[in-house]
Amino acid sequence: MEPAIETQRTPVESPEEPRVNSVPAAGGERWWRLAYAIEFLLAITAATILWSEVGGQVHLDMMPWYLKLAALLALAWSAVRFTMALVNDPAPWNRIALRWLVAMILIAGAMFAITMYYHLHEPADDSDEDEGLSTSTIQFSAAGHWRGGLS
């Protein structure tokens, strides 16, 4: 008696339900990686400019570099992952995309909180108060000059 030979059966795809690839084809995968890398660099640049304009360059100058770097990298990474979630799923809004959108909103909130902290703890500007200095003003009267005499 011979043992039964088992063959591996592949599932048959029904023509009604087309299979959706979550990963682009091997030839196009390199282009997607390049596009995501460019998007990452653009997201860092855009986030830096926006943070500087909205939060104020003075507050960014007071922050340590590692706080700015961590916040900008996290925001750019979340933006790229959000785009990847939108591209890889045929539905425009899915659970993963919404998760990355919430992550971007939370990171932007953290950036706001960091900026507010440094705004509230910035050194006082004492250049408006001139203590101990007095200014004298001289007022010229044109009326005495036109009367014809010096008084």
N, C-alpha and C. Protein backbone atom coordinates (compact mmCIF):
# COMPACT_ATOMS: atom_id res chain seq x y z
N MET A 1 0.83 -1.17 0.00
CA MET A 1 0.00 0.00 0.00
C MET A 1 0.89 1.24 0.00
N GLU A 2 0.48 2.15 -0.83
CA GLU A 2 1.23 3.41 -0.92
C GLU A 2 0.54 4.48 -0.09
N PRO A 3 1.39 5.31 0.57
CA PRO A 3 0.76 6.41 1.32
C PRO A 3 0.15 7.43 0.35
N ALA A 4 -0.89 8.02 0.79
CA ALA A 4 -1.57 8.99 -0.06
C ALA A 4 -0.72 10.25 -0.19
N ILE A 5 -0.61 10.72 -1.39
CA ILE A 5 0.15 11.95 -1.64
C ILE A 5 -0.81 13.13 -1.58
N GLU A 6 -0.47 14.01 -0.70
CA GLU A 6 -1.33 15.18 -0.55
C GLU A 6 -0.77 16.32 -1.40
N THR A 7 -1.61 16.98 -2.11
CA THR A 7 -1.20 18.13 -2.91
C THR A 7 -1.75 19.40 -2.27
N GLN A 8 -0.97 20.42 -2.40
CA GLN A 8 -1.38 21.70 -1.82
C GLN A 8 -2.29 22.40 -2.82
N ARG A 9 -3.41 22.77 -2.35
CA ARG A 9 -4.37 23.45 -3.21
C ARG A 9 -4.30 24.95 -2.99
N THR A 10 -4.33 25.67 -4.07
CA THR A 10 -4.36 27.13 -3.97
C THR A 10 -5.80 27.59 -4.01
N PRO A 11 -6.12 28.59 -3.21
CA PRO A 11 -7.51 29.06 -3.21
C PRO A 11 -7.83 29.71 -4.56
N VAL A 12 -9.02 29.45 -5.00
CA VAL A 12 -9.48 29.99 -6.28
C VAL A 12 -10.14 31.33 -6.01
N GLU A 13 -9.68 32.32 -6.77
CA GLU A 13 -10.26 33.66 -6.59
C GLU A 13 -11.51 33.77 -7.43
N SER A 14 -12.52 34.32 -6.83
CA SER A 14 -13.76 34.47 -7.57
C SER A 14 -13.66 35.72 -8.45
N PRO A 15 -14.25 35.70 -9.62
CA PRO A 15 -14.15 36.86 -10.51
C PRO A 15 -14.91 38.07 -10.00
N GLU A 16 -15.85 37.87 -9.08
CA GLU A 16 -16.63 39.00 -8.57
C GLU A 16 -15.80 39.88 -7.63
N GLU A 17 -14.86 39.30 -6.89
CA GLU A 17 -14.09 40.04 -5.91
C GLU A 17 -12.65 40.13 -6.36
N PRO A 18 -12.25 41.25 -6.95
CA PRO A 18 -10.84 41.37 -7.35
C PRO A 18 -9.95 41.52 -6.13
N ARG A 19 -8.79 40.94 -6.21
CA ARG A 19 -7.85 40.98 -5.11
C ARG A 19 -7.13 42.34 -5.11
N VAL A 20 -7.04 42.95 -3.95
CA VAL A 20 -6.41 44.25 -3.81
C VAL A 20 -5.02 44.05 -3.23
N ASN A 21 -4.02 44.50 -3.94
CA ASN A 21 -2.65 44.42 -3.44
C ASN A 21 -2.38 45.60 -2.53
N SER A 22 -1.92 45.32 -1.34
CA SER A 22 -1.59 46.41 -0.43
C SER A 22 -0.19 46.94 -0.66
N VAL A 23 0.60 46.20 -1.43
CA VAL A 23 1.97 46.62 -1.73
C VAL A 23 2.06 46.83 -3.24
N PRO A 24 2.64 47.95 -3.69
CA PRO A 24 2.76 48.15 -5.13
C PRO A 24 3.63 47.07 -5.77
N ALA A 25 3.54 46.95 -7.08
CA ALA A 25 4.31 45.95 -7.81
C ALA A 25 5.80 46.16 -7.61
N ALA A 26 6.58 45.10 -7.81
CA ALA A 26 8.01 45.15 -7.52
C ALA A 26 8.72 46.22 -8.33
N GLY A 27 8.33 46.42 -9.60
CA GLY A 27 8.99 47.44 -10.41
C GLY A 27 8.66 48.85 -9.94
N GLY A 28 7.44 49.07 -9.48
CA GLY A 28 7.02 50.40 -9.04
C GLY A 28 7.33 50.70 -7.59
N GLU A 29 7.77 49.68 -6.86
CA GLU A 29 8.03 49.88 -5.43
C GLU A 29 9.17 50.87 -5.20
N ARG A 30 10.16 50.85 -6.07
CA ARG A 30 11.28 51.78 -5.91
C ARG A 30 10.81 53.22 -6.07
N TRP A 31 9.91 53.46 -6.99
CA TRP A 31 9.41 54.81 -7.19
C TRP A 31 8.59 55.27 -5.99
N TRP A 32 7.83 54.36 -5.39
CA TRP A 32 7.07 54.72 -4.21
C TRP A 32 8.00 55.10 -3.06
N ARG A 33 9.07 54.36 -2.90
CA ARG A 33 10.03 54.67 -1.84
C ARG A 33 10.65 56.04 -2.06
N LEU A 34 11.00 56.34 -3.30
CA LEU A 34 11.57 57.65 -3.62
C LEU A 34 10.55 58.75 -3.35
N ALA A 35 9.30 58.52 -3.72
CA ALA A 35 8.25 59.51 -3.48
C ALA A 35 8.05 59.75 -1.99
N TYR A 36 8.07 58.68 -1.21
CA TYR A 36 7.89 58.84 0.24
C TYR A 36 9.09 59.54 0.87
N ALA A 37 10.28 59.28 0.38
CA ALA A 37 11.47 59.97 0.90
C ALA A 37 11.41 61.46 0.59
N ILE A 38 10.99 61.79 -0.61
CA ILE A 38 10.85 63.22 -0.97
C ILE A 38 9.76 63.87 -0.14
N GLU A 39 8.66 63.16 0.07
CA GLU A 39 7.60 63.70 0.91
C GLU A 39 8.08 63.93 2.34
N PHE A 40 8.89 63.03 2.86
CA PHE A 40 9.44 63.19 4.21
C PHE A 40 10.27 64.46 4.31
N LEU A 41 11.15 64.69 3.33
CA LEU A 41 11.98 65.89 3.35
C LEU A 41 11.14 67.16 3.19
N LEU A 42 10.14 67.11 2.33
CA LEU A 42 9.25 68.27 2.18
C LEU A 42 8.43 68.52 3.44
N ALA A 43 8.02 67.46 4.11
CA ALA A 43 7.23 67.60 5.34
C ALA A 43 8.07 68.24 6.44
N ILE A 44 9.34 67.86 6.53
CA ILE A 44 10.22 68.48 7.53
C ILE A 44 10.37 69.97 7.24
N THR A 45 10.60 70.31 5.96
CA THR A 45 10.77 71.71 5.58
C THR A 45 9.50 72.51 5.84
N ALA A 46 8.37 71.97 5.42
CA ALA A 46 7.10 72.68 5.61
C ALA A 46 6.77 72.85 7.08
N ALA A 47 7.00 71.84 7.88
CA ALA A 47 6.71 71.93 9.32
C ALA A 47 7.62 72.95 9.99
N THR A 48 8.88 73.01 9.58
CA THR A 48 9.81 73.98 10.16
C THR A 48 9.37 75.40 9.84
N ILE A 49 9.03 75.65 8.59
CA ILE A 49 8.60 77.00 8.19
C ILE A 49 7.30 77.37 8.88
N LEU A 50 6.35 76.45 8.92
CA LEU A 50 5.06 76.74 9.56
C LEU A 50 5.23 76.99 11.05
N TRP A 51 6.04 76.20 11.72
CA TRP A 51 6.27 76.38 13.16
C TRP A 51 6.95 77.72 13.42
N SER A 52 7.86 78.10 12.58
CA SER A 52 8.56 79.37 12.74
C SER A 52 7.61 80.55 12.55
N GLU A 53 6.73 80.45 11.56
CA GLU A 53 5.80 81.54 11.28
C GLU A 53 4.69 81.63 12.32
N VAL A 54 4.15 80.52 12.72
CA VAL A 54 3.03 80.53 13.65
C VAL A 54 3.51 80.72 15.09
N GLY A 55 4.52 79.98 15.49
CA GLY A 55 4.98 80.03 16.87
C GLY A 55 5.95 81.16 17.16
N GLY A 56 6.59 81.67 16.14
CA GLY A 56 7.55 82.76 16.33
C GLY A 56 8.97 82.24 16.38
N GLN A 57 9.83 82.87 15.60
CA GLN A 57 11.22 82.44 15.54
C GLN A 57 11.94 82.64 16.87
N VAL A 58 11.52 83.65 17.64
CA VAL A 58 12.17 83.91 18.94
C VAL A 58 11.97 82.73 19.87
N HIS A 59 10.77 82.16 19.88
CA HIS A 59 10.51 81.02 20.75
C HIS A 59 11.26 79.78 20.27
N LEU A 60 11.38 79.60 18.97
CA LEU A 60 12.14 78.47 18.46
C LEU A 60 13.62 78.60 18.79
N ASP A 61 14.12 79.83 18.79
CA ASP A 61 15.53 80.04 19.12
C ASP A 61 15.83 79.72 20.59
N MET A 62 14.84 79.84 21.45
CA MET A 62 15.05 79.56 22.86
C MET A 62 14.99 78.07 23.18
N MET A 63 14.39 77.28 22.31
CA MET A 63 14.22 75.85 22.55
C MET A 63 15.52 75.10 22.30
N PRO A 64 15.74 74.02 23.03
CA PRO A 64 16.89 73.17 22.69
C PRO A 64 16.64 72.45 21.37
N TRP A 65 17.72 72.16 20.68
CA TRP A 65 17.62 71.60 19.33
C TRP A 65 16.96 70.23 19.32
N TYR A 66 17.16 69.44 20.38
CA TYR A 66 16.61 68.08 20.36
C TYR A 66 15.10 68.06 20.47
N LEU A 67 14.49 69.07 21.12
CA LEU A 67 13.03 69.14 21.16
C LEU A 67 12.47 69.45 19.77
N LYS A 68 13.10 70.41 19.10
CA LYS A 68 12.64 70.76 17.75
C LYS A 68 12.82 69.58 16.80
N LEU A 69 13.97 68.92 16.87
CA LEU A 69 14.25 67.81 15.98
C LEU A 69 13.27 66.66 16.20
N ALA A 70 13.03 66.31 17.44
CA ALA A 70 12.12 65.20 17.74
C ALA A 70 10.70 65.51 17.26
N ALA A 71 10.23 66.72 17.51
CA ALA A 71 8.87 67.08 17.09
C ALA A 71 8.75 67.10 15.57
N LEU A 72 9.74 67.66 14.89
CA LEU A 72 9.69 67.75 13.43
C LEU A 72 9.79 66.38 12.77
N LEU A 73 10.68 65.52 13.28
CA LEU A 73 10.80 64.18 12.72
C LEU A 73 9.53 63.36 12.96
N ALA A 74 8.94 63.49 14.13
CA ALA A 74 7.70 62.76 14.43
C ALA A 74 6.56 63.23 13.53
N LEU A 75 6.46 64.53 13.31
CA LEU A 75 5.40 65.05 12.47
C LEU A 75 5.59 64.63 11.01
N ALA A 76 6.81 64.72 10.52
CA ALA A 76 7.08 64.32 9.14
C ALA A 76 6.85 62.82 8.95
N TRP A 77 7.28 62.00 9.91
CA TRP A 77 7.08 60.56 9.82
C TRP A 77 5.58 60.23 9.82
N SER A 78 4.82 60.90 10.66
CA SER A 78 3.38 60.66 10.70
C SER A 78 2.71 61.08 9.39
N ALA A 79 3.19 62.15 8.80
CA ALA A 79 2.61 62.60 7.52
C ALA A 79 2.87 61.58 6.42
N VAL A 80 4.07 61.02 6.39
CA VAL A 80 4.38 60.01 5.37
C VAL A 80 3.57 58.74 5.62
N ARG A 81 3.47 58.32 6.85
CA ARG A 81 2.68 57.11 7.16
C ARG A 81 1.20 57.33 6.85
N PHE A 82 0.70 58.56 7.05
CA PHE A 82 -0.67 58.90 6.70
C PHE A 82 -0.88 58.76 5.19
N THR A 83 0.07 59.27 4.42
CA THR A 83 -0.01 59.16 2.97
C THR A 83 0.05 57.70 2.53
N MET A 84 0.93 56.93 3.16
CA MET A 84 1.03 55.51 2.81
C MET A 84 -0.28 54.78 3.10
N ALA A 85 -0.93 55.12 4.20
CA ALA A 85 -2.20 54.48 4.53
C ALA A 85 -3.28 54.86 3.54
N LEU A 86 -3.25 56.10 3.05
CA LEU A 86 -4.23 56.52 2.05
C LEU A 86 -4.00 55.83 0.71
N VAL A 87 -2.73 55.65 0.35
CA VAL A 87 -2.40 55.06 -0.96
C VAL A 87 -2.63 53.56 -0.97
N ASN A 88 -2.30 52.87 0.09
CA ASN A 88 -2.34 51.41 0.11
C ASN A 88 -3.73 50.81 0.24
N ASP A 89 -4.72 51.59 0.59
CA ASP A 89 -6.06 51.07 0.76
C ASP A 89 -6.97 51.72 -0.28
N PRO A 90 -7.84 50.97 -0.90
CA PRO A 90 -8.72 51.57 -1.92
C PRO A 90 -9.72 52.56 -1.34
N ALA A 91 -10.10 52.38 -0.09
CA ALA A 91 -11.01 53.34 0.55
C ALA A 91 -10.21 54.57 0.96
N PRO A 92 -10.71 55.77 0.69
CA PRO A 92 -9.93 56.95 1.00
C PRO A 92 -9.69 57.15 2.50
N TRP A 93 -10.66 56.85 3.32
CA TRP A 93 -10.47 56.98 4.76
C TRP A 93 -10.63 55.59 5.37
N ASN A 94 -9.56 55.15 6.00
CA ASN A 94 -9.61 53.86 6.67
C ASN A 94 -9.11 54.03 8.09
N ARG A 95 -9.13 52.94 8.83
CA ARG A 95 -8.77 53.00 10.24
C ARG A 95 -7.31 53.41 10.44
N ILE A 96 -6.43 52.91 9.61
CA ILE A 96 -5.00 53.22 9.76
C ILE A 96 -4.73 54.68 9.41
N ALA A 97 -5.37 55.17 8.36
CA ALA A 97 -5.20 56.58 7.98
C ALA A 97 -5.70 57.51 9.07
N LEU A 98 -6.84 57.18 9.65
CA LEU A 98 -7.36 58.01 10.74
C LEU A 98 -6.45 57.98 11.95
N ARG A 99 -5.83 56.84 12.21
CA ARG A 99 -4.90 56.73 13.33
C ARG A 99 -3.69 57.65 13.13
N TRP A 100 -3.16 57.69 11.89
CA TRP A 100 -2.01 58.56 11.63
C TRP A 100 -2.42 60.03 11.60
N LEU A 101 -3.65 60.32 11.20
CA LEU A 101 -4.13 61.70 11.26
C LEU A 101 -4.24 62.17 12.70
N VAL A 102 -4.74 61.31 13.57
CA VAL A 102 -4.81 61.64 15.00
C VAL A 102 -3.39 61.82 15.56
N ALA A 103 -2.45 61.00 15.12
CA ALA A 103 -1.06 61.16 15.57
C ALA A 103 -0.50 62.51 15.16
N MET A 104 -0.79 62.95 13.94
CA MET A 104 -0.31 64.27 13.50
C MET A 104 -0.93 65.39 14.32
N ILE A 105 -2.21 65.25 14.64
CA ILE A 105 -2.88 66.28 15.44
C ILE A 105 -2.29 66.31 16.85
N LEU A 106 -2.02 65.16 17.43
CA LEU A 106 -1.42 65.12 18.77
C LEU A 106 -0.01 65.70 18.78
N ILE A 107 0.77 65.41 17.75
CA ILE A 107 2.13 65.97 17.67
C ILE A 107 2.07 67.47 17.49
N ALA A 108 1.14 67.96 16.67
CA ALA A 108 0.98 69.41 16.51
C ALA A 108 0.55 70.05 17.83
N GLY A 109 -0.28 69.36 18.61
CA GLY A 109 -0.65 69.86 19.93
C GLY A 109 0.54 69.91 20.88
N ALA A 110 1.41 68.91 20.80
CA ALA A 110 2.63 68.92 21.62
C ALA A 110 3.55 70.07 21.21
N MET A 111 3.64 70.32 19.90
CA MET A 111 4.45 71.44 19.42
C MET A 111 3.88 72.77 19.93
N PHE A 112 2.55 72.88 19.96
CA PHE A 112 1.91 74.07 20.51
C PHE A 112 2.22 74.23 21.99
N ALA A 113 2.16 73.14 22.73
CA ALA A 113 2.43 73.20 24.17
C ALA A 113 3.89 73.59 24.44
N ILE A 114 4.82 73.06 23.66
CA ILE A 114 6.23 73.42 23.82
C ILE A 114 6.43 74.90 23.53
N THR A 115 5.81 75.38 22.47
CA THR A 115 5.93 76.80 22.10
C THR A 115 5.33 77.69 23.18
N MET A 116 4.18 77.30 23.72
CA MET A 116 3.55 78.11 24.78
C MET A 116 4.41 78.13 26.05
N TYR A 117 5.05 77.00 26.36
CA TYR A 117 5.92 76.96 27.52
C TYR A 117 7.06 77.98 27.37
N TYR A 118 7.68 77.98 26.22
CA TYR A 118 8.80 78.91 26.01
C TYR A 118 8.31 80.34 25.84
N HIS A 119 7.07 80.54 25.41
CA HIS A 119 6.51 81.89 25.35
C HIS A 119 6.27 82.43 26.75
N LEU A 120 5.77 81.59 27.64
CA LEU A 120 5.48 82.04 29.00
C LEU A 120 6.73 82.19 29.85
N HIS A 121 7.82 81.50 29.47
CA HIS A 121 9.05 81.57 30.26
C HIS A 121 10.17 82.34 29.56
N GLU A 122 9.81 83.21 28.61
CA GLU A 122 10.84 83.99 27.95
C GLU A 122 11.29 85.12 28.87
N PRO A 123 12.53 85.55 28.74
CA PRO A 123 13.01 86.63 29.60
C PRO A 123 12.27 87.94 29.30
N ALA A 124 12.09 88.73 30.36
CA ALA A 124 11.37 89.99 30.22
C ALA A 124 12.21 90.97 29.42
N ASP A 125 11.54 91.75 28.59
CA ASP A 125 12.21 92.75 27.77
C ASP A 125 12.18 94.08 28.52
N ASP A 126 13.31 94.51 29.07
CA ASP A 126 13.38 95.73 29.86
C ASP A 126 13.86 96.93 29.06
N SER A 127 13.92 96.84 27.77
CA SER A 127 14.44 97.95 26.99
C SER A 127 13.47 99.11 26.90
N ASP A 128 12.19 98.91 27.22
CA ASP A 128 11.22 100.00 27.17
C ASP A 128 11.34 100.93 28.37
N GLU A 129 11.80 100.41 29.48
CA GLU A 129 11.91 101.21 30.69
C GLU A 129 13.33 101.76 30.80
N ASP A 130 13.44 103.08 30.78
CA ASP A 130 14.73 103.74 30.93
C ASP A 130 14.80 104.34 32.33
N GLU A 131 15.23 103.54 33.29
CA GLU A 131 15.29 103.99 34.67
C GLU A 131 16.50 104.89 34.86
N GLY A 132 16.28 106.03 35.51
CA GLY A 132 17.38 106.93 35.82
C GLY A 132 17.74 107.88 34.69
N LEU A 133 17.18 107.73 33.56
CA LEU A 133 17.46 108.61 32.44
C LEU A 133 16.27 109.55 32.24
N SER A 134 16.57 110.78 32.05
CA SER A 134 15.51 111.74 31.78
C SER A 134 15.76 112.37 30.42
N THR A 135 14.70 112.70 29.78
CA THR A 135 14.81 113.34 28.48
C THR A 135 14.27 114.74 28.61
N SER A 136 15.00 115.65 28.05
CA SER A 136 14.52 117.03 28.05
C SER A 136 14.04 117.36 26.66
N THR A 137 13.00 118.14 26.63
CA THR A 137 12.45 118.56 25.35
C THR A 137 12.52 120.07 25.25
N ILE A 138 12.79 120.56 24.10
CA ILE A 138 12.83 121.99 23.84
C ILE A 138 11.68 122.30 22.90
N GLN A 139 10.87 123.24 23.31
CA GLN A 139 9.76 123.62 22.46
C GLN A 139 10.05 124.99 21.86
N PHE A 140 10.00 125.05 20.59
CA PHE A 140 10.20 126.31 19.89
C PHE A 140 8.85 126.92 19.61
N SER A 141 8.79 128.22 19.81
CA SER A 141 7.54 128.92 19.55
C SER A 141 7.73 129.79 18.32
N ALA A 142 6.93 129.53 17.33
CA ALA A 142 7.01 130.34 16.12
C ALA A 142 6.31 131.67 16.29
N ALA A 143 5.46 131.81 17.30
CA ALA A 143 4.73 133.07 17.49
C ALA A 143 5.68 134.21 17.83
N GLY A 144 6.70 133.98 18.66
CA GLY A 144 7.65 135.04 19.03
C GLY A 144 8.53 135.46 17.88
N HIS A 145 8.78 134.57 17.01
CA HIS A 145 9.63 134.89 15.88
C HIS A 145 8.91 135.77 14.87
N TRP A 146 7.60 135.54 14.68
CA TRP A 146 6.88 136.31 13.69
C TRP A 146 6.44 137.66 14.22
N ARG A 147 6.54 137.91 15.50
CA ARG A 147 6.19 139.22 16.05
C ARG A 147 7.27 140.24 15.78
N GLY A 148 8.39 139.79 15.38
CA GLY A 148 9.44 140.73 15.02
C GLY A 148 10.45 140.97 16.09
N GLY A 149 10.38 140.36 17.17
CA GLY A 149 11.35 140.65 18.21
C GLY A 149 11.71 139.39 18.97
N LEU A 150 12.82 139.47 19.61
CA LEU A 150 13.23 138.38 20.48
C LEU A 150 12.87 138.72 21.89
N SER A 151 12.24 137.90 22.55
CA SER A 151 11.91 138.19 23.92
C SER A 151 12.53 137.22 24.86
